[in-house]
Amino acid sequence: MPHIRPVSDLRNNFADISRIVHETAEPVFLTKNGYGDMVVMSMEAYEKYKLDIMIYEKLKEAALEAKSTDARYDFDEVSKEMREKLIEKL
């Protein structure tokens, strides 16, 4: 169930909101005059959210590329190439 609080709680009950976002890893939705205004989340949850978005975008890009070409890659080839690139960077 989403956590919905008035924006005034950010000032009046900051510690409680901070505890909620860190313990649950879920955002708190803040309202102003009964309407959605802001979302507060922990840094960890935000970083995970950004990573999830990046992964989704890469998968979407790969799906579009797969539809536009018949080229397919062998897992062993790709993993070998990735290992070589990692070794180069080290």
PDB file of N, CA and C in Angstrom:
ATOM      1  N   MET A   1       0.844  -1.169   0.000  1.00  0.00           N
ATOM      2  CA  MET A   1       0.000   0.000   0.000  1.00  0.00           C
ATOM      3  C   MET A   1       0.895   1.240   0.000  1.00  0.00           C
ATOM      4  N   PRO A   2       0.654   2.182  -0.876  1.00  0.00           N
ATOM      5  CA  PRO A   2       1.531   3.359  -0.948  1.00  0.00           C
ATOM      6  C   PRO A   2       1.406   4.241   0.290  1.00  0.00           C
ATOM      7  N   HIS A   3       2.520   4.881   0.611  1.00  0.00           N
ATOM      8  CA  HIS A   3       2.560   5.828   1.726  1.00  0.00           C
ATOM      9  C   HIS A   3       2.241   7.206   1.164  1.00  0.00           C
ATOM     10  N   ILE A   4       1.123   7.778   1.595  1.00  0.00           N
ATOM     11  CA  ILE A   4       0.703   9.095   1.116  1.00  0.00           C
ATOM     12  C   ILE A   4       0.584  10.009   2.327  1.00  0.00           C
ATOM     13  N   ARG A   5       1.306  11.121   2.269  1.00  0.00           N
ATOM     14  CA  ARG A   5       1.317  12.059   3.394  1.00  0.00           C
ATOM     15  C   ARG A   5       1.174  13.483   2.864  1.00  0.00           C
ATOM     16  N   PRO A   6       0.665  14.385   3.690  1.00  0.00           N
ATOM     17  CA  PRO A   6       0.635  15.796   3.270  1.00  0.00           C
ATOM     18  C   PRO A   6       2.055  16.355   3.251  1.00  0.00           C
ATOM     19  N   VAL A   7       2.314  17.303   2.371  1.00  0.00           N
ATOM     20  CA  VAL A   7       3.650  17.871   2.244  1.00  0.00           C
ATOM     21  C   VAL A   7       4.118  18.514   3.551  1.00  0.00           C
ATOM     22  N   SER A   8       3.197  18.974   4.379  1.00  0.00           N
ATOM     23  CA  SER A   8       3.584  19.571   5.674  1.00  0.00           C
ATOM     24  C   SER A   8       4.279  18.554   6.565  1.00  0.00           C
ATOM     25  N   ASP A   9       4.025  17.253   6.361  1.00  0.00           N
ATOM     26  CA  ASP A   9       4.716  16.229   7.156  1.00  0.00           C
ATOM     27  C   ASP A   9       6.208  16.197   6.876  1.00  0.00           C
ATOM     28  N   LEU A  10       6.610  16.687   5.727  1.00  0.00           N
ATOM     29  CA  LEU A  10       8.033  16.730   5.418  1.00  0.00           C
ATOM     30  C   LEU A  10       8.759  17.617   6.422  1.00  0.00           C
ATOM     31  N   ARG A  11       8.117  18.703   6.814  1.00  0.00           N
ATOM     32  CA  ARG A  11       8.694  19.614   7.799  1.00  0.00           C
ATOM     33  C   ARG A  11       8.419  19.124   9.223  1.00  0.00           C
ATOM     34  N   ASN A  12       7.180  18.721   9.478  1.00  0.00           N
ATOM     35  CA  ASN A  12       6.760  18.396  10.840  1.00  0.00           C
ATOM     36  C   ASN A  12       7.145  16.995  11.294  1.00  0.00           C
ATOM     37  N   ASN A  13       7.268  16.060  10.356  1.00  0.00           N
ATOM     38  CA  ASN A  13       7.562  14.657  10.705  1.00  0.00           C
ATOM     39  C   ASN A  13       8.652  14.080   9.814  1.00  0.00           C
ATOM     40  N   PHE A  14       9.700  14.861   9.593  1.00  0.00           N
ATOM     41  CA  PHE A  14      10.769  14.444   8.693  1.00  0.00           C
ATOM     42  C   PHE A  14      11.363  13.107   9.105  1.00  0.00           C
ATOM     43  N   ALA A  15      11.625  12.930  10.404  1.00  0.00           N
ATOM     44  CA  ALA A  15      12.259  11.692  10.880  1.00  0.00           C
ATOM     45  C   ALA A  15      11.394  10.480  10.557  1.00  0.00           C
ATOM     46  N   ASP A  16      10.087  10.623  10.693  1.00  0.00           N
ATOM     47  CA  ASP A  16       9.180   9.518  10.394  1.00  0.00           C
ATOM     48  C   ASP A  16       9.202   9.181   8.897  1.00  0.00           C
ATOM     49  N   ILE A  17       9.189  10.190   8.059  1.00  0.00           N
ATOM     50  CA  ILE A  17       9.245   9.959   6.609  1.00  0.00           C
ATOM     51  C   ILE A  17      10.576   9.324   6.233  1.00  0.00           C
ATOM     52  N   SER A  18      11.650   9.810   6.812  1.00  0.00           N
ATOM     53  CA  SER A  18      12.969   9.242   6.544  1.00  0.00           C
ATOM     54  C   SER A  18      13.010   7.764   6.947  1.00  0.00           C
ATOM     55  N   ARG A  19      12.465   7.446   8.099  1.00  0.00           N
ATOM     56  CA  ARG A  19      12.427   6.057   8.566  1.00  0.00           C
ATOM     57  C   ARG A  19      11.645   5.187   7.585  1.00  0.00           C
ATOM     58  N   ILE A  20      10.501   5.667   7.131  1.00  0.00           N
ATOM     59  CA  ILE A  20       9.656   4.895   6.208  1.00  0.00           C
ATOM     60  C   ILE A  20      10.408   4.597   4.911  1.00  0.00           C
ATOM     61  N   VAL A  21      11.008   5.609   4.298  1.00  0.00           N
ATOM     62  CA  VAL A  21      11.667   5.383   3.005  1.00  0.00           C
ATOM     63  C   VAL A  21      12.880   4.472   3.134  1.00  0.00           C
ATOM     64  N   HIS A  22      13.560   4.512   4.282  1.00  0.00           N
ATOM     65  CA  HIS A  22      14.728   3.650   4.448  1.00  0.00           C
ATOM     66  C   HIS A  22      14.348   2.232   4.852  1.00  0.00           C
ATOM     67  N   GLU A  23      13.368   2.077   5.704  1.00  0.00           N
ATOM     68  CA  GLU A  23      12.989   0.741   6.157  1.00  0.00           C
ATOM     69  C   GLU A  23      12.220  -0.037   5.094  1.00  0.00           C
ATOM     70  N   THR A  24      11.390   0.639   4.337  1.00  0.00           N
ATOM     71  CA  THR A  24      10.552  -0.064   3.359  1.00  0.00           C
ATOM     72  C   THR A  24      11.141  -0.062   1.962  1.00  0.00           C
ATOM     73  N   ALA A  25      12.092   0.824   1.695  1.00  0.00           N
ATOM     74  CA  ALA A  25      12.661   1.020   0.349  1.00  0.00           C
ATOM     75  C   ALA A  25      11.570   1.414  -0.645  1.00  0.00           C
ATOM     76  N   GLU A  26      10.485   1.974  -0.128  1.00  0.00           N
ATOM     77  CA  GLU A  26       9.371   2.444  -0.946  1.00  0.00           C
ATOM     78  C   GLU A  26       9.292   3.966  -0.865  1.00  0.00           C
ATOM     79  N   PRO A  27       8.776   4.611  -1.895  1.00  0.00           N
ATOM     80  CA  PRO A  27       8.648   6.071  -1.846  1.00  0.00           C
ATOM     81  C   PRO A  27       7.480   6.514  -0.975  1.00  0.00           C
ATOM     82  N   VAL A  28       7.543   7.755  -0.535  1.00  0.00           N
ATOM     83  CA  VAL A  28       6.427   8.397   0.152  1.00  0.00           C
ATOM     84  C   VAL A  28       5.905   9.472  -0.796  1.00  0.00           C
ATOM     85  N   PHE A  29       4.620   9.430  -1.074  1.00  0.00           N
ATOM     86  CA  PHE A  29       3.987  10.402  -1.953  1.00  0.00           C
ATOM     87  C   PHE A  29       3.456  11.543  -1.103  1.00  0.00           C
ATOM     88  N   LEU A  30       3.843  12.754  -1.446  1.00  0.00           N
ATOM     89  CA  LEU A  30       3.426  13.931  -0.692  1.00  0.00           C
ATOM     90  C   LEU A  30       2.354  14.694  -1.464  1.00  0.00           C
ATOM     91  N   THR A  31       1.325  15.117  -0.736  1.00  0.00           N
ATOM     92  CA  THR A  31       0.224  15.843  -1.367  1.00  0.00           C
ATOM     93  C   THR A  31       0.210  17.290  -0.886  1.00  0.00           C
ATOM     94  N   LYS A  32      -0.307  18.150  -1.736  1.00  0.00           N
ATOM     95  CA  LYS A  32      -0.486  19.564  -1.407  1.00  0.00           C
ATOM     96  C   LYS A  32      -1.913  19.918  -1.792  1.00  0.00           C
ATOM     97  N   ASN A  33      -2.671  20.389  -0.820  1.00  0.00           N
ATOM     98  CA  ASN A  33      -4.092  20.702  -1.032  1.00  0.00           C
ATOM     99  C   ASN A  33      -4.861  19.512  -1.613  1.00  0.00           C
ATOM    100  N   GLY A  34      -4.487  18.311  -1.179  1.00  0.00           N
ATOM    101  CA  GLY A  34      -5.194  17.103  -1.595  1.00  0.00           C
ATOM    102  C   GLY A  34      -4.763  16.519  -2.925  1.00  0.00           C
ATOM    103  N   TYR A  35      -3.792  17.136  -3.583  1.00  0.00           N
ATOM    104  CA  TYR A  35      -3.321  16.659  -4.883  1.00  0.00           C
ATOM    105  C   TYR A  35      -1.856  16.230  -4.787  1.00  0.00           C
ATOM    106  N   GLY A  36      -1.477  15.250  -5.591  1.00  0.00           N
ATOM    107  CA  GLY A  36      -0.090  14.802  -5.613  1.00  0.00           C
ATOM    108  C   GLY A  36       0.854  15.940  -5.951  1.00  0.00           C
ATOM    109  N   ASP A  37       1.958  16.041  -5.194  1.00  0.00           N
ATOM    110  CA  ASP A  37       2.906  17.134  -5.402  1.00  0.00           C
ATOM    111  C   ASP A  37       4.335  16.637  -5.573  1.00  0.00           C
ATOM    112  N   MET A  38       4.774  15.711  -4.705  1.00  0.00           N
ATOM    113  CA  MET A  38       6.161  15.249  -4.737  1.00  0.00           C
ATOM    114  C   MET A  38       6.250  13.786  -4.320  1.00  0.00           C
ATOM    115  N   VAL A  39       7.398  13.206  -4.622  1.00  0.00           N
ATOM    116  CA  VAL A  39       7.712  11.856  -4.174  1.00  0.00           C
ATOM    117  C   VAL A  39       9.055  11.923  -3.475  1.00  0.00           C
ATOM    118  N   VAL A  40       9.139  11.300  -2.295  1.00  0.00           N
ATOM    119  CA  VAL A  40      10.395  11.249  -1.542  1.00  0.00           C
ATOM    120  C   VAL A  40      10.813   9.790  -1.458  1.00  0.00           C
ATOM    121  N   MET A  41      12.093   9.530  -1.769  1.00  0.00           N
ATOM    122  CA  MET A  41      12.602   8.161  -1.657  1.00  0.00           C
ATOM    123  C   MET A  41      14.036   8.185  -1.176  1.00  0.00           C
ATOM    124  N   SER A  42      14.507   7.051  -0.665  1.00  0.00           N
ATOM    125  CA  SER A  42      15.887   6.963  -0.200  1.00  0.00           C
ATOM    126  C   SER A  42      16.839   7.006  -1.393  1.00  0.00           C
ATOM    127  N   MET A  43      18.073   7.347  -1.127  1.00  0.00           N
ATOM    128  CA  MET A  43      19.086   7.375  -2.192  1.00  0.00           C
ATOM    129  C   MET A  43      19.259   5.981  -2.793  1.00  0.00           C
ATOM    130  N   GLU A  44      19.234   4.948  -1.943  1.00  0.00           N
ATOM    131  CA  GLU A  44      19.397   3.577  -2.424  1.00  0.00           C
ATOM    132  C   GLU A  44      18.262   3.206  -3.370  1.00  0.00           C
ATOM    133  N   ALA A  45      17.035   3.544  -2.983  1.00  0.00           N
ATOM    134  CA  ALA A  45      15.885   3.236  -3.837  1.00  0.00           C
ATOM    135  C   ALA A  45      15.965   4.010  -5.145  1.00  0.00           C
ATOM    136  N   TYR A  46      16.423   5.255  -5.082  1.00  0.00           N
ATOM    137  CA  TYR A  46      16.554   6.070  -6.292  1.00  0.00           C
ATOM    138  C   TYR A  46      17.600   5.476  -7.237  1.00  0.00           C
ATOM    139  N   GLU A  47      18.741   5.056  -6.691  1.00  0.00           N
ATOM    140  CA  GLU A  47      19.787   4.461  -7.524  1.00  0.00           C
ATOM    141  C   GLU A  47      19.288   3.170  -8.162  1.00  0.00           C
ATOM    142  N   LYS A  48      18.545   2.353  -7.410  1.00  0.00           N
ATOM    143  CA  LYS A  48      17.978   1.126  -7.962  1.00  0.00           C
ATOM    144  C   LYS A  48      16.981   1.460  -9.074  1.00  0.00           C
ATOM    145  N   TYR A  49      16.175   2.478  -8.852  1.00  0.00           N
ATOM    146  CA  TYR A  49      15.203   2.922  -9.851  1.00  0.00           C
ATOM    147  C   TYR A  49      15.915   3.334 -11.146  1.00  0.00           C
ATOM    148  N   LYS A  50      16.984   4.123 -11.008  1.00  0.00           N
ATOM    149  CA  LYS A  50      17.746   4.543 -12.189  1.00  0.00           C
ATOM    150  C   LYS A  50      18.341   3.346 -12.921  1.00  0.00           C
ATOM    151  N   LEU A  51      18.878   2.383 -12.168  1.00  0.00           N
ATOM    152  CA  LEU A  51      19.459   1.181 -12.772  1.00  0.00           C
ATOM    153  C   LEU A  51      18.385   0.382 -13.501  1.00  0.00           C
ATOM    154  N   ASP A  52      17.217   0.230 -12.880  1.00  0.00           N
ATOM    155  CA  ASP A  52      16.116  -0.488 -13.527  1.00  0.00           C
ATOM    156  C   ASP A  52      15.719   0.179 -14.841  1.00  0.00           C
ATOM    157  N   ILE A  53      15.661   1.503 -14.844  1.00  0.00           N
ATOM    158  CA  ILE A  53      15.313   2.240 -16.064  1.00  0.00           C
ATOM    159  C   ILE A  53      16.369   2.013 -17.145  1.00  0.00           C
ATOM    160  N   MET A  54      17.647   2.064 -16.750  1.00  0.00           N
ATOM    161  CA  MET A  54      18.730   1.858 -17.713  1.00  0.00           C
ATOM    162  C   MET A  54      18.653   0.457 -18.317  1.00  0.00           C
ATOM    163  N   ILE A  55      18.415  -0.551 -17.477  1.00  0.00           N
ATOM    164  CA  ILE A  55      18.306  -1.932 -17.966  1.00  0.00           C
ATOM    165  C   ILE A  55      17.120  -2.055 -18.918  1.00  0.00           C
ATOM    166  N   TYR A  56      15.987  -1.470 -18.540  1.00  0.00           N
ATOM    167  CA  TYR A  56      14.803  -1.510 -19.398  1.00  0.00           C
ATOM    168  C   TYR A  56      15.103  -0.882 -20.759  1.00  0.00           C
ATOM    169  N   GLU A  57      15.773   0.278 -20.753  1.00  0.00           N
ATOM    170  CA  GLU A  57      16.093   0.954 -22.013  1.00  0.00           C
ATOM    171  C   GLU A  57      17.009   0.092 -22.875  1.00  0.00           C
ATOM    172  N   LYS A  58      17.995  -0.559 -22.263  1.00  0.00           N
ATOM    173  CA  LYS A  58      18.919  -1.416 -23.023  1.00  0.00           C
ATOM    174  C   LYS A  58      18.185  -2.626 -23.601  1.00  0.00           C
ATOM    175  N   LEU A  59      17.273  -3.216 -22.807  1.00  0.00           N
ATOM    176  CA  LEU A  59      16.507  -4.354 -23.313  1.00  0.00           C
ATOM    177  C   LEU A  59      15.582  -3.934 -24.454  1.00  0.00           C
ATOM    178  N   LYS A  60      14.988  -2.764 -24.323  1.00  0.00           N
ATOM    179  CA  LYS A  60      14.126  -2.237 -25.380  1.00  0.00           C
ATOM    180  C   LYS A  60      14.934  -2.017 -26.662  1.00  0.00           C
ATOM    181  N   GLU A  61      16.121  -1.441 -26.509  1.00  0.00           N
ATOM    182  CA  GLU A  61      17.008  -1.208 -27.647  1.00  0.00           C
ATOM    183  C   GLU A  61      17.397  -2.534 -28.300  1.00  0.00           C
ATOM    184  N   ALA A  62      17.709  -3.541 -27.481  1.00  0.00           N
ATOM    185  CA  ALA A  62      18.092  -4.852 -28.021  1.00  0.00           C
ATOM    186  C   ALA A  62      16.923  -5.499 -28.748  1.00  0.00           C
ATOM    187  N   ALA A  63      15.721  -5.362 -28.218  1.00  0.00           N
ATOM    188  CA  ALA A  63      14.541  -5.940 -28.868  1.00  0.00           C
ATOM    189  C   ALA A  63      14.292  -5.279 -30.219  1.00  0.00           C
ATOM    190  N   LEU A  64      14.446  -3.970 -30.283  1.00  0.00           N
ATOM    191  CA  LEU A  64      14.272  -3.266 -31.562  1.00  0.00           C
ATOM    192  C   LEU A  64      15.327  -3.690 -32.571  1.00  0.00           C
ATOM    193  N   GLU A  65      16.564  -3.842 -32.098  1.00  0.00           N
ATOM    194  CA  GLU A  65      17.638  -4.275 -32.994  1.00  0.00           C
ATOM    195  C   GLU A  65      17.379  -5.694 -33.485  1.00  0.00           C
ATOM    196  N   ALA A  66      16.891  -6.559 -32.591  1.00  0.00           N
ATOM    197  CA  ALA A  66      16.618  -7.950 -32.981  1.00  0.00           C
ATOM    198  C   ALA A  66      15.536  -8.013 -34.054  1.00  0.00           C
ATOM    199  N   LYS A  67      14.563  -7.094 -33.981  1.00  0.00           N
ATOM    200  CA  LYS A  67      13.503  -7.071 -34.994  1.00  0.00           C
ATOM    201  C   LYS A  67      13.999  -6.574 -36.346  1.00  0.00           C
ATOM    202  N   SER A  68      15.032  -5.733 -36.323  1.00  0.00           N
ATOM    203  CA  SER A  68      15.482  -5.097 -37.560  1.00  0.00           C
ATOM    204  C   SER A  68      16.608  -5.843 -38.271  1.00  0.00           C
ATOM    205  N   THR A  69      17.135  -6.891 -37.656  1.00  0.00           N
ATOM    206  CA  THR A  69      18.237  -7.615 -38.286  1.00  0.00           C
ATOM    207  C   THR A  69      18.121  -9.103 -38.000  1.00  0.00           C
ATOM    208  N   ASP A  70      18.746  -9.890 -38.873  1.00  0.00           N
ATOM    209  CA  ASP A  70      18.761 -11.346 -38.672  1.00  0.00           C
ATOM    210  C   ASP A  70      20.015 -11.792 -37.928  1.00  0.00           C
ATOM    211  N   ALA A  71      20.913 -10.866 -37.634  1.00  0.00           N
ATOM    212  CA  ALA A  71      22.164 -11.220 -36.956  1.00  0.00           C
ATOM    213  C   ALA A  71      21.874 -11.699 -35.539  1.00  0.00           C
ATOM    214  N   ARG A  72      22.494 -12.798 -35.158  1.00  0.00           N
ATOM    215  CA  ARG A  72      22.371 -13.335 -33.806  1.00  0.00           C
ATOM    216  C   ARG A  72      23.775 -13.608 -33.287  1.00  0.00           C
ATOM    217  N   TYR A  73      23.943 -13.518 -31.970  1.00  0.00           N
ATOM    218  CA  TYR A  73      25.259 -13.662 -31.364  1.00  0.00           C
ATOM    219  C   TYR A  73      25.302 -14.895 -30.485  1.00  0.00           C
ATOM    220  N   ASP A  74      26.394 -15.616 -30.572  1.00  0.00           N
ATOM    221  CA  ASP A  74      26.617 -16.800 -29.763  1.00  0.00           C
ATOM    222  C   ASP A  74      27.072 -16.367 -28.367  1.00  0.00           C
ATOM    223  N   PHE A  75      26.541 -16.994 -27.330  1.00  0.00           N
ATOM    224  CA  PHE A  75      26.878 -16.618 -25.960  1.00  0.00           C
ATOM    225  C   PHE A  75      28.376 -16.725 -25.708  1.00  0.00           C
ATOM    226  N   ASP A  76      28.999 -17.803 -26.164  1.00  0.00           N
ATOM    227  CA  ASP A  76      30.432 -17.995 -25.930  1.00  0.00           C
ATOM    228  C   ASP A  76      31.254 -16.893 -26.591  1.00  0.00           C
ATOM    229  N   GLU A  77      30.855 -16.498 -27.810  1.00  0.00           N
ATOM    230  CA  GLU A  77      31.559 -15.411 -28.515  1.00  0.00           C
ATOM    231  C   GLU A  77      31.454 -14.102 -27.737  1.00  0.00           C
ATOM    232  N   VAL A  78      30.245 -13.789 -27.316  1.00  0.00           N
ATOM    233  CA  VAL A  78      30.008 -12.525 -26.611  1.00  0.00           C
ATOM    234  C   VAL A  78      30.752 -12.506 -25.284  1.00  0.00           C
ATOM    235  N   SER A  79      30.677 -13.595 -24.527  1.00  0.00           N
ATOM    236  CA  SER A  79      31.356 -13.615 -23.228  1.00  0.00           C
ATOM    237  C   SER A  79      32.873 -13.546 -23.390  1.00  0.00           C
ATOM    238  N   LYS A  80      33.410 -14.191 -24.424  1.00  0.00           N
ATOM    239  CA  LYS A  80      34.851 -14.121 -24.685  1.00  0.00           C
ATOM    240  C   LYS A  80      35.255 -12.676 -25.006  1.00  0.00           C
ATOM    241  N   GLU A  81      34.461 -12.025 -25.870  1.00  0.00           N
ATOM    242  CA  GLU A  81      34.750 -10.644 -26.246  1.00  0.00           C
ATOM    243  C   GLU A  81      34.673  -9.713 -25.023  1.00  0.00           C
ATOM    244  N   MET A  82      33.692  -9.939 -24.178  1.00  0.00           N
ATOM    245  CA  MET A  82      33.549  -9.113 -22.975  1.00  0.00           C
ATOM    246  C   MET A  82      34.730  -9.310 -22.025  1.00  0.00           C
ATOM    247  N   ARG A  83      35.156 -10.576 -21.857  1.00  0.00           N
ATOM    248  CA  ARG A  83      36.324 -10.836 -21.006  1.00  0.00           C
ATOM    249  C   ARG A  83      37.554 -10.114 -21.532  1.00  0.00           C
ATOM    250  N   GLU A  84      37.760 -10.159 -22.843  1.00  0.00           N
ATOM    251  CA  GLU A  84      38.913  -9.500 -23.447  1.00  0.00           C
ATOM    252  C   GLU A  84      38.866  -7.996 -23.204  1.00  0.00           C
ATOM    253  N   LYS A  85      37.679  -7.408 -23.330  1.00  0.00           N
ATOM    254  CA  LYS A  85      37.546  -5.956 -23.090  1.00  0.00           C
ATOM    255  C   LYS A  85      37.802  -5.613 -21.635  1.00  0.00           C
ATOM    256  N   LEU A  86      37.338  -6.448 -20.725  1.00  0.00           N
ATOM    257  CA  LEU A  86      37.585  -6.214 -19.298  1.00  0.00           C
ATOM    258  C   LEU A  86      39.083  -6.312 -18.972  1.00  0.00           C
ATOM    259  N   ILE A  87      39.746  -7.291 -19.565  1.00  0.00           N
ATOM    260  CA  ILE A  87      41.185  -7.450 -19.336  1.00  0.00           C
ATOM    261  C   ILE A  87      41.949  -6.235 -19.863  1.00  0.00           C
ATOM    262  N   GLU A  88      41.519  -5.717 -21.028  1.00  0.00           N
ATOM    263  CA  GLU A  88      42.148  -4.513 -21.581  1.00  0.00           C
ATOM    264  C   GLU A  88      42.033  -3.332 -20.619  1.00  0.00           C
ATOM    265  N   LYS A  89      40.869  -3.202 -19.997  1.00  0.00           N
ATOM    266  CA  LYS A  89      40.639  -2.064 -19.085  1.00  0.00           C
ATOM    267  C   LYS A  89      41.429  -2.194 -17.794  1.00  0.00           C
ATOM    268  N   LEU A  90      41.720  -3.425 -17.401  1.00  0.00           N
ATOM    269  CA  LEU A  90      42.490  -3.632 -16.169  1.00  0.00           C
ATOM    270  C   LEU A  90      43.950  -3.368 -16.443  1.00  0.00           C
TER     271      LEU A  90
END
